[in-house]
């Protein structure tokens, strides 16, 4: 986001609270067509100015700002960031890793997975395995270190299976 635009947007924050003393976030208010248009526009261009958002969805700048602020406060918008080409950023090896974990240890395992270098997505899933983890590493040697040293050292991890990514593409929001 351009520095002059950063002040326009509400504070970049995660929806709800996490950690000790966390409270359950309030349920998000229903979204209308204008809110959905704003979300679609910001997904396509997170650097869009309040003015351009307001013009595109045909509301005042104050209304657009208030709507974006509400979407952030409600946790619908979790933040504003860049979409990274991992290969060009020196993280040319990507893999999905499936994990089977000890029953009822998801929260403990999730916290440990968050600390892994290159971890970019963690999901609790149903099926033949319990967790799906996406990692980006500089090379196969670093991936081997993550899988054979770091993951296998987590006591709650019963087994892993690594699926090497040969080619990937982030889907762009339809705009």
N, C-alpha and C. Protein backbone atom coordinates (compact mmCIF):
# COMPACT_ATOMS: atom_id res chain seq x y z
N UNK A 1 0.86 -1.16 0.00
CA UNK A 1 0.00 0.00 0.00
C UNK A 1 0.90 1.22 0.00
N UNK A 2 0.62 2.20 -0.80
CA UNK A 2 1.41 3.40 -0.88
C UNK A 2 1.33 4.14 0.45
N UNK A 3 2.45 4.77 0.92
CA UNK A 3 2.45 5.44 2.22
C UNK A 3 1.34 6.47 2.37
N UNK A 4 1.05 7.23 1.30
CA UNK A 4 0.01 8.24 1.41
C UNK A 4 -1.38 7.63 1.56
N UNK A 5 -1.55 6.36 1.17
CA UNK A 5 -2.84 5.71 1.30
C UNK A 5 -3.00 5.00 2.63
N UNK A 6 -1.88 4.69 3.30
CA UNK A 6 -1.95 3.93 4.54
C UNK A 6 -2.78 4.64 5.59
N UNK A 7 -2.67 5.96 5.67
CA UNK A 7 -3.42 6.71 6.67
C UNK A 7 -4.91 6.70 6.37
N UNK A 8 -5.27 6.43 5.13
CA UNK A 8 -6.68 6.42 4.76
C UNK A 8 -7.44 5.25 5.35
N UNK A 9 -6.77 4.11 5.48
CA UNK A 9 -7.44 2.89 5.88
C UNK A 9 -7.42 2.74 7.39
N UNK A 10 -8.41 2.02 7.91
CA UNK A 10 -8.41 1.71 9.33
C UNK A 10 -7.17 0.89 9.67
N UNK A 11 -6.85 0.83 10.94
CA UNK A 11 -5.67 0.09 11.39
C UNK A 11 -5.67 -1.32 10.83
N UNK A 12 -4.54 -1.74 10.31
CA UNK A 12 -4.37 -3.09 9.77
C UNK A 12 -4.28 -4.04 10.96
N UNK A 13 -5.33 -4.84 11.17
CA UNK A 13 -5.39 -5.70 12.34
C UNK A 13 -6.03 -7.01 12.00
N UNK A 14 -5.79 -7.99 12.87
CA UNK A 14 -6.44 -9.29 12.72
C UNK A 14 -7.83 -9.18 13.30
N UNK A 15 -8.78 -9.90 12.72
CA UNK A 15 -10.13 -9.93 13.26
C UNK A 15 -10.14 -10.67 14.58
N UNK A 16 -10.79 -10.08 15.58
CA UNK A 16 -10.87 -10.70 16.89
C UNK A 16 -9.53 -10.61 17.60
N UNK A 17 -9.44 -11.28 18.75
CA UNK A 17 -8.22 -11.29 19.52
C UNK A 17 -7.70 -12.70 19.58
N UNK A 18 -6.43 -12.84 19.86
CA UNK A 18 -5.87 -14.17 20.02
C UNK A 18 -4.98 -14.17 21.25
N UNK A 19 -4.67 -15.34 21.73
CA UNK A 19 -3.79 -15.46 22.88
C UNK A 19 -4.56 -15.43 24.18
N UNK A 20 -3.79 -15.17 25.27
CA UNK A 20 -4.40 -15.17 26.59
C UNK A 20 -5.39 -14.01 26.72
N UNK A 21 -6.48 -14.24 27.40
CA UNK A 21 -7.48 -13.21 27.60
C UNK A 21 -8.32 -12.93 26.37
N UNK A 22 -8.20 -13.77 25.36
CA UNK A 22 -8.95 -13.53 24.13
C UNK A 22 -10.44 -13.76 24.37
N UNK A 23 -11.22 -12.94 23.72
CA UNK A 23 -12.66 -13.08 23.79
C UNK A 23 -13.14 -13.54 22.42
N UNK A 24 -14.26 -14.23 22.42
CA UNK A 24 -14.84 -14.64 21.15
C UNK A 24 -15.25 -13.38 20.39
N UNK A 25 -14.88 -13.27 19.12
CA UNK A 25 -15.30 -12.09 18.35
C UNK A 25 -16.81 -12.09 18.18
N UNK A 26 -17.36 -10.90 18.14
CA UNK A 26 -18.79 -10.77 17.90
C UNK A 26 -19.10 -11.26 16.49
N UNK A 27 -20.31 -11.78 16.26
CA UNK A 27 -20.64 -12.22 14.90
C UNK A 27 -20.62 -11.02 13.94
N UNK A 28 -20.14 -11.27 12.74
CA UNK A 28 -20.08 -10.21 11.73
C UNK A 28 -21.48 -9.80 11.32
N UNK A 29 -21.62 -8.52 11.08
CA UNK A 29 -22.91 -8.03 10.60
C UNK A 29 -23.10 -8.48 9.15
N UNK A 30 -24.35 -8.62 8.72
CA UNK A 30 -24.59 -9.08 7.34
C UNK A 30 -23.99 -8.11 6.32
N UNK A 31 -23.50 -8.67 5.22
CA UNK A 31 -22.93 -7.85 4.15
C UNK A 31 -23.99 -7.57 3.10
N UNK A 32 -24.00 -6.35 2.60
CA UNK A 32 -24.90 -6.03 1.50
C UNK A 32 -24.09 -6.00 0.20
N UNK A 33 -24.75 -5.67 -0.90
CA UNK A 33 -24.10 -5.69 -2.21
C UNK A 33 -22.93 -4.71 -2.27
N UNK A 34 -23.05 -3.57 -1.62
CA UNK A 34 -21.96 -2.59 -1.63
C UNK A 34 -20.75 -3.14 -0.87
N UNK A 35 -20.99 -3.76 0.29
CA UNK A 35 -19.90 -4.36 1.05
C UNK A 35 -19.18 -5.42 0.20
N UNK A 36 -19.95 -6.25 -0.48
CA UNK A 36 -19.34 -7.31 -1.31
C UNK A 36 -18.55 -6.70 -2.46
N UNK A 37 -19.05 -5.61 -3.05
CA UNK A 37 -18.30 -4.93 -4.11
C UNK A 37 -16.99 -4.35 -3.57
N UNK A 38 -17.04 -3.78 -2.37
CA UNK A 38 -15.83 -3.23 -1.75
C UNK A 38 -14.82 -4.36 -1.51
N UNK A 39 -15.28 -5.47 -0.98
CA UNK A 39 -14.38 -6.60 -0.75
C UNK A 39 -13.74 -7.08 -2.04
N UNK A 40 -14.55 -7.21 -3.08
CA UNK A 40 -14.03 -7.67 -4.37
C UNK A 40 -12.98 -6.70 -4.90
N UNK A 41 -13.25 -5.42 -4.78
CA UNK A 41 -12.32 -4.41 -5.27
C UNK A 41 -11.01 -4.44 -4.48
N UNK A 42 -11.09 -4.56 -3.16
CA UNK A 42 -9.88 -4.57 -2.34
C UNK A 42 -9.10 -5.87 -2.50
N UNK A 43 -9.79 -6.98 -2.80
CA UNK A 43 -9.07 -8.22 -3.07
C UNK A 43 -8.27 -8.11 -4.36
N UNK A 44 -8.83 -7.43 -5.34
CA UNK A 44 -8.14 -7.26 -6.62
C UNK A 44 -7.03 -6.22 -6.50
N UNK A 45 -7.23 -5.18 -5.68
CA UNK A 45 -6.25 -4.12 -5.51
C UNK A 45 -6.31 -3.59 -4.09
N UNK A 46 -5.52 -4.18 -3.21
CA UNK A 46 -5.49 -3.76 -1.82
C UNK A 46 -4.92 -2.37 -1.62
N UNK A 47 -4.36 -1.78 -2.68
CA UNK A 47 -3.80 -0.43 -2.60
C UNK A 47 -4.79 0.63 -3.07
N UNK A 48 -6.00 0.22 -3.41
CA UNK A 48 -6.98 1.19 -3.90
C UNK A 48 -7.25 2.25 -2.83
N UNK A 49 -7.36 3.48 -3.26
CA UNK A 49 -7.62 4.57 -2.31
C UNK A 49 -9.10 4.57 -1.93
N UNK A 50 -9.38 5.20 -0.80
CA UNK A 50 -10.78 5.34 -0.35
C UNK A 50 -11.58 6.04 -1.44
N UNK A 51 -10.98 7.05 -2.04
CA UNK A 51 -11.67 7.81 -3.09
C UNK A 51 -12.07 6.90 -4.26
N UNK A 52 -11.14 6.07 -4.73
CA UNK A 52 -11.45 5.21 -5.87
C UNK A 52 -12.47 4.14 -5.47
N UNK A 53 -12.39 3.62 -4.25
CA UNK A 53 -13.39 2.66 -3.78
C UNK A 53 -14.77 3.33 -3.77
N UNK A 54 -14.85 4.52 -3.21
CA UNK A 54 -16.13 5.24 -3.11
C UNK A 54 -16.72 5.49 -4.50
N UNK A 55 -15.87 5.93 -5.42
CA UNK A 55 -16.36 6.19 -6.78
C UNK A 55 -16.86 4.92 -7.45
N UNK A 56 -16.14 3.85 -7.29
CA UNK A 56 -16.49 2.60 -7.96
C UNK A 56 -17.80 2.01 -7.45
N UNK A 57 -18.06 2.15 -6.14
CA UNK A 57 -19.28 1.57 -5.58
C UNK A 57 -20.38 2.61 -5.38
N UNK A 58 -20.12 3.84 -5.83
CA UNK A 58 -21.12 4.91 -5.85
C UNK A 58 -21.64 5.28 -4.46
N UNK A 59 -20.67 5.51 -3.55
CA UNK A 59 -21.01 6.03 -2.22
C UNK A 59 -20.04 7.17 -1.91
N UNK A 60 -20.31 7.92 -0.85
CA UNK A 60 -19.40 8.99 -0.44
C UNK A 60 -18.12 8.40 0.13
N UNK A 61 -17.06 9.21 0.18
CA UNK A 61 -15.81 8.74 0.78
C UNK A 61 -16.01 8.39 2.25
N UNK A 62 -16.80 9.19 2.95
CA UNK A 62 -17.06 8.90 4.37
C UNK A 62 -17.77 7.56 4.53
N UNK A 63 -18.72 7.28 3.64
CA UNK A 63 -19.44 6.01 3.70
C UNK A 63 -18.50 4.85 3.38
N UNK A 64 -17.65 5.02 2.37
CA UNK A 64 -16.70 3.96 2.01
C UNK A 64 -15.74 3.70 3.16
N UNK A 65 -15.24 4.78 3.78
CA UNK A 65 -14.32 4.63 4.91
C UNK A 65 -15.01 3.91 6.07
N UNK A 66 -16.24 4.30 6.38
CA UNK A 66 -16.98 3.67 7.48
C UNK A 66 -17.22 2.19 7.19
N UNK A 67 -17.55 1.86 5.95
CA UNK A 67 -17.79 0.46 5.59
C UNK A 67 -16.52 -0.37 5.71
N UNK A 68 -15.41 0.17 5.21
CA UNK A 68 -14.14 -0.56 5.30
C UNK A 68 -13.75 -0.73 6.77
N UNK A 69 -13.92 0.32 7.55
CA UNK A 69 -13.61 0.26 8.98
C UNK A 69 -14.45 -0.83 9.65
N UNK A 70 -15.75 -0.90 9.33
CA UNK A 70 -16.63 -1.92 9.91
C UNK A 70 -16.19 -3.32 9.48
N UNK A 71 -15.81 -3.46 8.21
CA UNK A 71 -15.35 -4.77 7.72
C UNK A 71 -14.08 -5.21 8.45
N UNK A 72 -13.21 -4.27 8.78
CA UNK A 72 -12.00 -4.59 9.54
C UNK A 72 -12.37 -4.93 10.98
N UNK A 73 -13.19 -4.09 11.61
CA UNK A 73 -13.60 -4.33 13.00
C UNK A 73 -14.32 -5.67 13.17
N UNK A 74 -15.13 -6.03 12.19
CA UNK A 74 -15.88 -7.30 12.25
C UNK A 74 -15.01 -8.51 11.91
N UNK A 75 -13.77 -8.26 11.48
CA UNK A 75 -12.89 -9.37 11.15
C UNK A 75 -13.13 -9.94 9.76
N UNK A 76 -13.96 -9.28 8.97
CA UNK A 76 -14.18 -9.73 7.59
C UNK A 76 -12.91 -9.47 6.79
N UNK A 77 -12.34 -8.28 6.93
CA UNK A 77 -11.03 -7.96 6.35
C UNK A 77 -10.02 -8.19 7.46
N UNK A 78 -9.10 -9.12 7.22
CA UNK A 78 -8.10 -9.47 8.23
C UNK A 78 -6.82 -8.66 8.07
N UNK A 79 -6.67 -7.95 6.99
CA UNK A 79 -5.48 -7.15 6.78
C UNK A 79 -5.30 -6.82 5.32
N UNK A 80 -4.30 -6.03 5.04
CA UNK A 80 -3.97 -5.64 3.68
C UNK A 80 -2.54 -6.07 3.44
N UNK A 81 -2.29 -6.76 2.33
CA UNK A 81 -0.95 -7.26 2.10
C UNK A 81 -0.65 -7.45 0.63
N UNK A 82 0.56 -7.92 0.39
CA UNK A 82 1.02 -8.15 -0.98
C UNK A 82 0.90 -9.63 -1.33
N UNK A 83 0.61 -9.91 -2.59
CA UNK A 83 0.65 -11.29 -3.10
C UNK A 83 2.07 -11.50 -3.63
N UNK A 84 2.74 -12.49 -3.08
CA UNK A 84 4.17 -12.69 -3.34
C UNK A 84 4.39 -13.84 -4.32
N UNK A 85 5.28 -13.62 -5.28
CA UNK A 85 5.76 -14.70 -6.13
C UNK A 85 6.90 -15.35 -5.36
N UNK A 86 6.62 -16.50 -4.75
CA UNK A 86 7.58 -17.13 -3.85
C UNK A 86 8.89 -17.51 -4.54
N UNK A 87 8.80 -17.95 -5.78
CA UNK A 87 10.01 -18.32 -6.51
C UNK A 87 10.93 -17.12 -6.70
N UNK A 88 10.35 -16.01 -7.12
CA UNK A 88 11.16 -14.80 -7.33
C UNK A 88 11.65 -14.21 -6.02
N UNK A 89 10.98 -14.55 -4.92
CA UNK A 89 11.39 -14.07 -3.60
C UNK A 89 12.39 -15.02 -2.93
N UNK A 90 12.91 -15.99 -3.68
CA UNK A 90 13.92 -16.88 -3.14
C UNK A 90 13.36 -18.08 -2.39
N UNK A 91 12.08 -18.34 -2.55
CA UNK A 91 11.43 -19.49 -1.90
C UNK A 91 10.90 -20.41 -2.99
N UNK A 92 11.80 -20.97 -3.80
CA UNK A 92 11.44 -21.69 -5.01
C UNK A 92 10.90 -23.10 -4.82
N UNK A 93 10.97 -23.64 -3.62
CA UNK A 93 10.45 -24.98 -3.37
C UNK A 93 9.21 -24.87 -2.49
N UNK A 94 8.10 -25.39 -2.97
CA UNK A 94 6.86 -25.36 -2.20
C UNK A 94 6.34 -26.78 -2.04
N UNK A 95 5.68 -27.03 -0.92
CA UNK A 95 5.11 -28.36 -0.69
C UNK A 95 3.90 -28.25 0.22
N UNK A 96 2.93 -29.11 -0.06
CA UNK A 96 1.84 -29.34 0.87
C UNK A 96 2.25 -30.54 1.70
N UNK A 97 2.10 -30.41 2.99
CA UNK A 97 2.47 -31.51 3.88
C UNK A 97 1.22 -31.88 4.67
N UNK A 98 0.86 -33.17 4.61
CA UNK A 98 -0.27 -33.64 5.40
C UNK A 98 0.27 -34.23 6.69
N UNK A 99 -0.46 -34.01 7.77
CA UNK A 99 -0.04 -34.51 9.07
C UNK A 99 -1.17 -35.27 9.73
N UNK A 100 -0.83 -36.37 10.34
CA UNK A 100 -1.74 -37.04 11.27
C UNK A 100 -1.23 -36.68 12.65
N UNK A 101 -2.16 -36.24 13.51
CA UNK A 101 -1.76 -35.78 14.84
C UNK A 101 -2.53 -36.53 15.92
N UNK A 102 -2.02 -36.48 17.12
CA UNK A 102 -2.69 -37.07 18.28
C UNK A 102 -4.03 -36.35 18.46
N UNK A 103 -5.07 -37.12 18.72
CA UNK A 103 -6.41 -36.56 18.88
C UNK A 103 -6.42 -35.47 19.96
N UNK A 104 -7.16 -34.41 19.69
CA UNK A 104 -7.35 -33.27 20.61
C UNK A 104 -6.08 -32.46 20.88
N UNK A 105 -5.14 -32.45 19.92
CA UNK A 105 -3.92 -31.65 20.10
C UNK A 105 -3.81 -30.54 19.05
N UNK A 106 -4.89 -30.27 18.32
CA UNK A 106 -4.86 -29.29 17.23
C UNK A 106 -4.29 -27.95 17.66
N UNK A 107 -4.77 -27.40 18.76
CA UNK A 107 -4.32 -26.06 19.16
C UNK A 107 -2.83 -26.03 19.48
N UNK A 108 -2.35 -27.05 20.14
CA UNK A 108 -0.92 -27.15 20.46
C UNK A 108 -0.09 -27.28 19.19
N UNK A 109 -0.52 -28.16 18.30
CA UNK A 109 0.21 -28.38 17.05
C UNK A 109 0.18 -27.11 16.20
N UNK A 110 -0.98 -26.46 16.11
CA UNK A 110 -1.10 -25.24 15.31
C UNK A 110 -0.09 -24.19 15.77
N UNK A 111 0.06 -24.01 17.08
CA UNK A 111 1.01 -23.02 17.58
C UNK A 111 2.44 -23.37 17.19
N UNK A 112 2.78 -24.63 17.19
CA UNK A 112 4.12 -25.05 16.80
C UNK A 112 4.33 -24.90 15.30
N UNK A 113 3.30 -25.18 14.51
CA UNK A 113 3.41 -25.03 13.05
C UNK A 113 3.57 -23.57 12.65
N UNK A 114 2.95 -22.67 13.39
CA UNK A 114 3.09 -21.23 13.11
C UNK A 114 4.54 -20.78 13.19
N UNK A 115 5.34 -21.47 13.97
CA UNK A 115 6.74 -21.10 14.17
C UNK A 115 7.66 -21.63 13.07
N UNK A 116 7.15 -22.51 12.22
CA UNK A 116 7.99 -23.10 11.18
C UNK A 116 8.41 -22.07 10.14
N UNK A 117 9.66 -22.07 9.74
CA UNK A 117 10.07 -21.16 8.67
C UNK A 117 9.38 -21.55 7.36
N UNK A 118 8.81 -20.58 6.69
CA UNK A 118 8.19 -20.82 5.39
C UNK A 118 6.75 -21.29 5.44
N UNK A 119 6.20 -21.54 6.63
CA UNK A 119 4.80 -21.98 6.71
C UNK A 119 3.90 -20.82 6.28
N UNK A 120 3.00 -21.09 5.33
CA UNK A 120 2.14 -20.00 4.86
C UNK A 120 0.66 -20.31 4.99
N UNK A 121 0.29 -21.56 5.22
CA UNK A 121 -1.12 -21.90 5.39
C UNK A 121 -1.21 -23.16 6.23
N UNK A 122 -2.10 -23.12 7.21
CA UNK A 122 -2.32 -24.27 8.10
C UNK A 122 -3.81 -24.48 8.19
N UNK A 123 -4.27 -25.71 7.97
CA UNK A 123 -5.71 -26.00 8.05
C UNK A 123 -5.95 -27.32 8.76
N UNK A 124 -6.94 -27.32 9.65
CA UNK A 124 -7.45 -28.55 10.25
C UNK A 124 -8.49 -29.08 9.28
N UNK A 125 -8.34 -30.32 8.86
CA UNK A 125 -9.22 -30.88 7.83
C UNK A 125 -9.78 -32.23 8.27
N UNK A 126 -10.79 -32.69 7.57
CA UNK A 126 -11.34 -34.01 7.80
C UNK A 126 -10.90 -34.93 6.67
N UNK A 127 -10.77 -36.21 6.94
CA UNK A 127 -10.39 -37.14 5.90
C UNK A 127 -9.31 -38.08 6.38
N UNK A 128 -8.41 -38.46 5.48
CA UNK A 128 -7.37 -39.43 5.79
C UNK A 128 -6.24 -38.85 6.65
N UNK A 129 -6.20 -37.53 6.76
CA UNK A 129 -5.19 -36.87 7.60
C UNK A 129 -5.89 -35.74 8.34
N UNK A 130 -5.17 -35.12 9.28
CA UNK A 130 -5.77 -34.13 10.17
C UNK A 130 -5.43 -32.69 9.81
N UNK A 131 -4.23 -32.47 9.33
CA UNK A 131 -3.74 -31.11 9.10
C UNK A 131 -3.14 -31.03 7.70
N UNK A 132 -3.39 -29.92 7.03
CA UNK A 132 -2.77 -29.62 5.74
C UNK A 132 -1.93 -28.37 5.94
N UNK A 133 -0.66 -28.47 5.61
CA UNK A 133 0.30 -27.39 5.82
C UNK A 133 0.94 -27.05 4.48
N UNK A 134 1.00 -25.76 4.14
CA UNK A 134 1.70 -25.30 2.94
C UNK A 134 2.96 -24.58 3.39
N UNK A 135 4.10 -25.01 2.84
CA UNK A 135 5.37 -24.35 3.16
C UNK A 135 6.08 -23.94 1.87
N UNK A 136 6.83 -22.84 1.98
CA UNK A 136 7.68 -22.36 0.90
C UNK A 136 9.09 -22.27 1.47
N UNK A 137 10.04 -22.92 0.81
CA UNK A 137 11.43 -22.92 1.27
C UNK A 137 12.35 -22.56 0.11
N UNK A 138 13.58 -22.18 0.42
CA UNK A 138 14.50 -21.82 -0.67
C UNK A 138 14.84 -22.99 -1.59
N UNK A 139 14.93 -24.20 -1.03
CA UNK A 139 15.33 -25.35 -1.85
C UNK A 139 14.91 -26.64 -1.16
N UNK A 140 15.21 -27.78 -1.81
CA UNK A 140 14.83 -29.08 -1.25
C UNK A 140 15.54 -29.38 0.07
N UNK A 141 16.74 -28.91 0.23
CA UNK A 141 17.48 -29.13 1.48
C UNK A 141 16.75 -28.47 2.65
N UNK A 142 16.27 -27.26 2.44
CA UNK A 142 15.53 -26.56 3.50
C UNK A 142 14.19 -27.24 3.76
N UNK A 143 13.54 -27.73 2.70
CA UNK A 143 12.28 -28.47 2.86
C UNK A 143 12.53 -29.74 3.67
N UNK A 144 13.60 -30.43 3.35
CA UNK A 144 13.96 -31.65 4.09
C UNK A 144 14.15 -31.34 5.57
N UNK A 145 14.79 -30.23 5.88
CA UNK A 145 14.99 -29.81 7.27
C UNK A 145 13.66 -29.58 7.97
N UNK A 146 12.73 -28.91 7.29
CA UNK A 146 11.41 -28.66 7.88
C UNK A 146 10.70 -29.98 8.17
N UNK A 147 10.69 -30.88 7.20
CA UNK A 147 9.92 -32.12 7.34
C UNK A 147 10.60 -33.10 8.30
N UNK A 148 11.86 -33.41 8.06
CA UNK A 148 12.51 -34.47 8.81
C UNK A 148 13.04 -34.04 10.18
N UNK A 149 13.30 -32.77 10.34
CA UNK A 149 13.83 -32.32 11.63
C UNK A 149 12.77 -31.58 12.45
N UNK A 150 12.18 -30.56 11.87
CA UNK A 150 11.27 -29.71 12.64
C UNK A 150 9.92 -30.40 12.89
N UNK A 151 9.28 -30.93 11.84
CA UNK A 151 7.96 -31.55 12.02
C UNK A 151 8.05 -32.84 12.84
N UNK A 152 9.03 -33.66 12.54
CA UNK A 152 9.16 -34.94 13.24
C UNK A 152 9.51 -34.74 14.72
N UNK A 153 9.99 -33.55 15.09
CA UNK A 153 10.33 -33.27 16.49
C UNK A 153 9.10 -32.87 17.31
N UNK A 154 7.98 -32.63 16.66
CA UNK A 154 6.76 -32.27 17.38
C UNK A 154 6.13 -33.57 17.88
N UNK A 155 6.06 -33.76 19.20
CA UNK A 155 5.60 -35.05 19.74
C UNK A 155 4.18 -35.44 19.31
N UNK A 156 3.32 -34.46 19.08
CA UNK A 156 1.92 -34.74 18.73
C UNK A 156 1.74 -35.13 17.27
N UNK A 157 2.79 -35.00 16.46
CA UNK A 157 2.72 -35.38 15.04
C UNK A 157 3.03 -36.87 14.93
N UNK A 158 2.03 -37.62 14.46
CA UNK A 158 2.19 -39.07 14.33
C UNK A 158 2.84 -39.46 13.01
N UNK A 159 2.48 -38.77 11.93
CA UNK A 159 3.07 -39.07 10.62
C UNK A 159 2.86 -37.88 9.69
N UNK A 160 3.68 -37.84 8.64
CA UNK A 160 3.57 -36.79 7.63
C UNK A 160 3.66 -37.41 6.24
N UNK A 161 3.14 -36.68 5.28
CA UNK A 161 3.29 -37.04 3.87
C UNK A 161 3.52 -35.72 3.13
N UNK A 162 4.54 -35.67 2.30
CA UNK A 162 4.90 -34.44 1.61
C UNK A 162 4.53 -34.53 0.14
N UNK A 163 3.84 -33.50 -0.33
CA UNK A 163 3.44 -33.41 -1.73
C UNK A 163 4.16 -32.21 -2.33
N UNK A 164 5.16 -32.46 -3.16
CA UNK A 164 5.96 -31.41 -3.76
C UNK A 164 5.14 -30.69 -4.82
N UNK A 165 5.18 -29.36 -4.80
CA UNK A 165 4.46 -28.55 -5.77
C UNK A 165 5.39 -28.28 -6.95
N UNK A 166 4.96 -28.67 -8.15
CA UNK A 166 5.76 -28.43 -9.34
C UNK A 166 5.47 -27.06 -9.95
N UNK A 167 4.24 -26.64 -9.86
CA UNK A 167 3.83 -25.35 -10.41
C UNK A 167 2.62 -24.89 -9.64
N UNK A 168 2.52 -23.59 -9.37
CA UNK A 168 1.37 -23.06 -8.63
C UNK A 168 0.94 -21.72 -9.18
N UNK A 169 -0.29 -21.40 -8.91
CA UNK A 169 -0.84 -20.12 -9.36
C UNK A 169 -1.90 -19.68 -8.37
N UNK A 170 -1.75 -18.45 -7.87
CA UNK A 170 -2.80 -17.89 -7.03
C UNK A 170 -3.91 -17.41 -7.93
N UNK A 171 -5.13 -17.74 -7.59
CA UNK A 171 -6.28 -17.30 -8.38
C UNK A 171 -6.59 -15.85 -8.03
N UNK A 172 -6.70 -15.04 -9.03
CA UNK A 172 -7.01 -13.63 -8.83
C UNK A 172 -8.51 -13.47 -8.66
N UNK A 173 -8.92 -12.58 -7.77
CA UNK A 173 -10.37 -12.32 -7.63
C UNK A 173 -10.96 -11.82 -8.95
N UNK A 174 -12.16 -12.27 -9.23
CA UNK A 174 -12.85 -11.81 -10.44
C UNK A 174 -13.27 -10.36 -10.25
N UNK A 175 -12.87 -9.49 -11.15
CA UNK A 175 -13.18 -8.07 -10.98
C UNK A 175 -13.81 -7.55 -12.14
